[in-house]
Amino acid sequence: MLLVSAPTFFGDRAVTCCHADIDNRTISSYSDGMRRKEGALIPLELSILEAAIDLRRRGVPEAHGFLLAKEMREERHARRLTAYGTLYKALDRLERAGLLESRWEDPLIGAGEGRPRRRFYRLTLAGEGAFAQGTNEVGEVPLRRSATVIST
């Protein structure tokens, strides 16, 4: 089915939008039945597990989503994390698979700092094993990029 919206005016220009009726259940990020090999992790999920392992080695046993994203961006030069919604969907999948555990921060702590409370994620033993297995299958985490110098 094709849907056509009423014209929207930008200054003196009228723009009409046409789009097909979209069923979110057919989009992989909204579907639990995403096509992938049973037990296989996608590159973003491997990067999340690697970031959690690295943070734990540095004395940070649990981390909120923004800290994980920052770690991935700074340490791995991740390019596939296009939106935080992508990250939080992946965190949810990892938790449902038993590879991460989470807890909500005390709301009084967030309120005292003038921000919303955060959800903290901790790597499980199963998560460590899945990361080791996933990196053995692909050789390294696909999101990791080495620095490249381009001369002009």
Protein backbone atom coordinates (compact mmCIF):
# COMPACT_ATOMS: atom_id res chain seq x y z
CA MET A 1 0.00 0.00 0.00
CA LEU A 2 1.33 3.46 -0.90
CA LEU A 3 0.50 6.33 1.42
CA VAL A 4 0.56 9.96 0.27
CA SER A 5 0.57 12.67 2.88
CA ALA A 6 -0.97 16.12 2.56
CA PRO A 7 1.46 18.74 1.24
CA THR A 8 3.76 20.40 3.74
CA PHE A 9 4.82 23.95 2.99
CA PHE A 10 8.41 25.17 3.33
CA GLY A 11 8.24 28.86 2.55
CA ASP A 12 6.50 29.01 -0.81
CA ARG A 13 7.32 25.37 -1.74
CA ALA A 14 4.85 22.54 -1.22
CA VAL A 15 6.36 19.11 -0.58
CA THR A 16 4.33 15.90 -0.69
CA CYS A 17 5.73 12.73 0.83
CA CYS A 18 5.03 9.27 -0.50
CA HIS A 19 6.03 6.11 1.31
CA ALA A 20 5.03 2.50 1.50
CA ASP A 21 3.20 1.27 4.56
CA ILE A 22 6.01 -0.11 6.75
CA ASP A 23 5.60 -2.96 9.22
CA ASN A 24 8.22 -2.60 12.00
CA ARG A 25 8.14 -6.36 12.56
CA THR A 26 9.91 -6.79 9.21
CA ILE A 27 12.81 -4.52 10.23
CA SER A 28 15.60 -6.56 11.79
CA SER A 29 16.32 -4.19 14.68
CA TYR A 30 12.69 -4.51 15.83
CA SER A 31 12.46 -8.25 15.37
CA ASP A 32 13.55 -11.01 17.72
CA GLY A 33 13.63 -13.31 14.71
CA MET A 34 16.51 -11.47 13.07
CA ARG A 35 18.26 -13.74 10.57
CA ARG A 36 21.62 -14.85 11.83
CA LYS A 37 23.41 -18.04 12.66
CA GLU A 38 22.19 -19.47 15.98
CA GLY A 39 24.34 -18.08 18.78
CA ALA A 40 26.29 -15.79 16.45
CA LEU A 41 27.01 -12.23 17.53
CA ILE A 42 26.97 -9.28 15.17
CA PRO A 43 30.01 -6.95 15.12
CA LEU A 44 28.34 -4.32 17.31
CA GLU A 45 27.57 -6.91 19.99
CA LEU A 46 31.18 -8.17 19.94
CA SER A 47 32.40 -4.58 20.34
CA ILE A 48 30.10 -4.02 23.32
CA LEU A 49 31.42 -7.17 25.01
CA GLU A 50 35.01 -6.17 24.27
CA ALA A 51 34.43 -2.68 25.72
CA ALA A 52 32.95 -4.23 28.88
CA ILE A 53 35.96 -6.56 29.21
CA ASP A 54 38.43 -3.70 28.73
CA LEU A 55 36.65 -1.48 31.24
CA ARG A 56 36.58 -4.29 33.81
CA ARG A 57 40.33 -4.84 33.35
CA ARG A 58 40.80 -1.15 34.18
CA GLY A 59 38.77 -1.48 37.39
CA VAL A 60 35.30 -0.52 36.11
CA PRO A 61 33.17 -3.62 36.79
CA GLU A 62 29.97 -2.19 35.31
CA ALA A 63 29.19 0.61 32.88
CA HIS A 64 26.19 2.53 31.63
CA GLY A 65 25.37 2.64 27.92
CA PHE A 66 26.90 6.05 27.25
CA LEU A 67 30.23 4.97 28.80
CA LEU A 68 30.25 1.82 26.67
CA ALA A 69 29.55 3.90 23.56
CA LYS A 70 32.32 6.33 24.46
CA GLU A 71 34.75 3.46 25.02
CA MET A 72 33.84 1.90 21.68
CA ARG A 73 34.15 5.20 19.84
CA GLU A 74 37.45 6.26 21.41
CA GLU A 75 39.24 2.93 21.69
CA ARG A 76 37.91 1.13 18.65
CA HIS A 77 37.05 3.99 16.30
CA ALA A 78 33.65 2.34 15.83
CA ARG A 79 31.77 3.57 12.81
CA ARG A 80 28.71 1.32 12.94
CA LEU A 81 27.17 2.88 16.03
CA THR A 82 24.97 5.30 14.13
CA ALA A 83 22.49 6.03 16.91
CA TYR A 84 22.20 5.33 20.59
CA GLY A 85 18.98 3.43 19.84
CA THR A 86 21.14 0.91 17.99
CA LEU A 87 23.35 0.51 21.07
CA TYR A 88 20.48 0.08 23.51
CA LYS A 89 18.75 -2.51 21.31
CA ALA A 90 22.02 -4.46 21.17
CA LEU A 91 22.43 -4.17 24.97
CA ASP A 92 18.91 -5.53 25.41
CA ARG A 93 19.62 -8.48 23.08
CA LEU A 94 22.85 -9.26 24.97
CA GLU A 95 21.04 -9.15 28.29
CA ARG A 96 18.22 -11.40 27.06
CA ALA A 97 20.89 -13.85 25.84
CA GLY A 98 22.45 -13.89 29.33
CA LEU A 99 25.72 -12.30 28.16
CA LEU A 100 25.19 -9.13 30.22
CA GLU A 101 23.34 -8.39 33.44
CA SER A 102 21.95 -4.98 34.29
CA ARG A 103 20.71 -2.97 37.23
CA TRP A 104 19.16 0.46 37.56
CA GLU A 105 21.02 3.13 39.48
CA ASP A 106 19.40 4.46 42.64
CA PRO A 107 17.10 7.27 41.43
CA LEU A 108 18.27 9.52 44.27
CA ILE A 109 21.82 9.50 42.89
CA GLY A 110 20.68 10.69 39.47
CA ALA A 111 18.33 13.26 40.99
CA GLY A 112 21.14 14.54 43.23
CA GLU A 113 23.29 15.08 40.14
CA GLY A 114 20.42 16.63 38.16
CA ARG A 115 20.15 13.85 35.57
CA PRO A 116 18.04 10.75 34.92
CA ARG A 117 19.10 7.51 36.55
CA ARG A 118 21.33 5.22 34.52
CA ARG A 119 21.22 1.52 33.78
CA PHE A 120 24.50 -0.24 34.50
CA TYR A 121 25.61 -3.34 32.59
CA ARG A 122 27.96 -6.04 33.87
CA LEU A 123 29.57 -8.77 31.76
CA THR A 124 28.67 -12.36 32.69
CA LEU A 125 30.85 -15.45 32.39
CA ALA A 126 28.69 -16.48 29.44
CA GLY A 127 29.42 -13.09 27.86
CA GLU A 128 33.17 -13.65 28.24
CA GLY A 129 32.84 -17.06 26.59
CA ALA A 130 30.70 -15.71 23.76
CA PHE A 131 33.23 -12.95 23.12
CA ALA A 132 36.12 -15.46 23.02
CA GLN A 133 34.18 -17.72 20.67
CA GLY A 134 33.08 -14.82 18.47
CA THR A 135 36.59 -13.43 18.09
CA ASN A 136 37.97 -16.91 17.32
CA GLU A 137 35.46 -17.22 14.48
CA VAL A 138 36.20 -13.83 12.90
CA GLY A 139 39.83 -13.35 13.98
CA GLU A 140 39.22 -9.98 15.66
CA VAL A 141 36.36 -7.63 16.40
CA PRO A 142 35.29 -6.28 13.00
CA LEU A 143 34.63 -2.76 14.33
CA ARG A 144 38.25 -2.26 15.34
CA ARG A 145 40.03 0.05 12.93
CA SER A 146 43.71 0.81 12.72
CA ALA A 147 44.84 4.35 12.09
CA THR A 148 45.59 5.09 8.47
CA VAL A 149 47.65 8.02 7.26
CA ILE A 150 46.75 9.30 3.84
CA SER A 151 49.32 11.49 2.16
CA THR A 152 48.23 14.01 -0.44
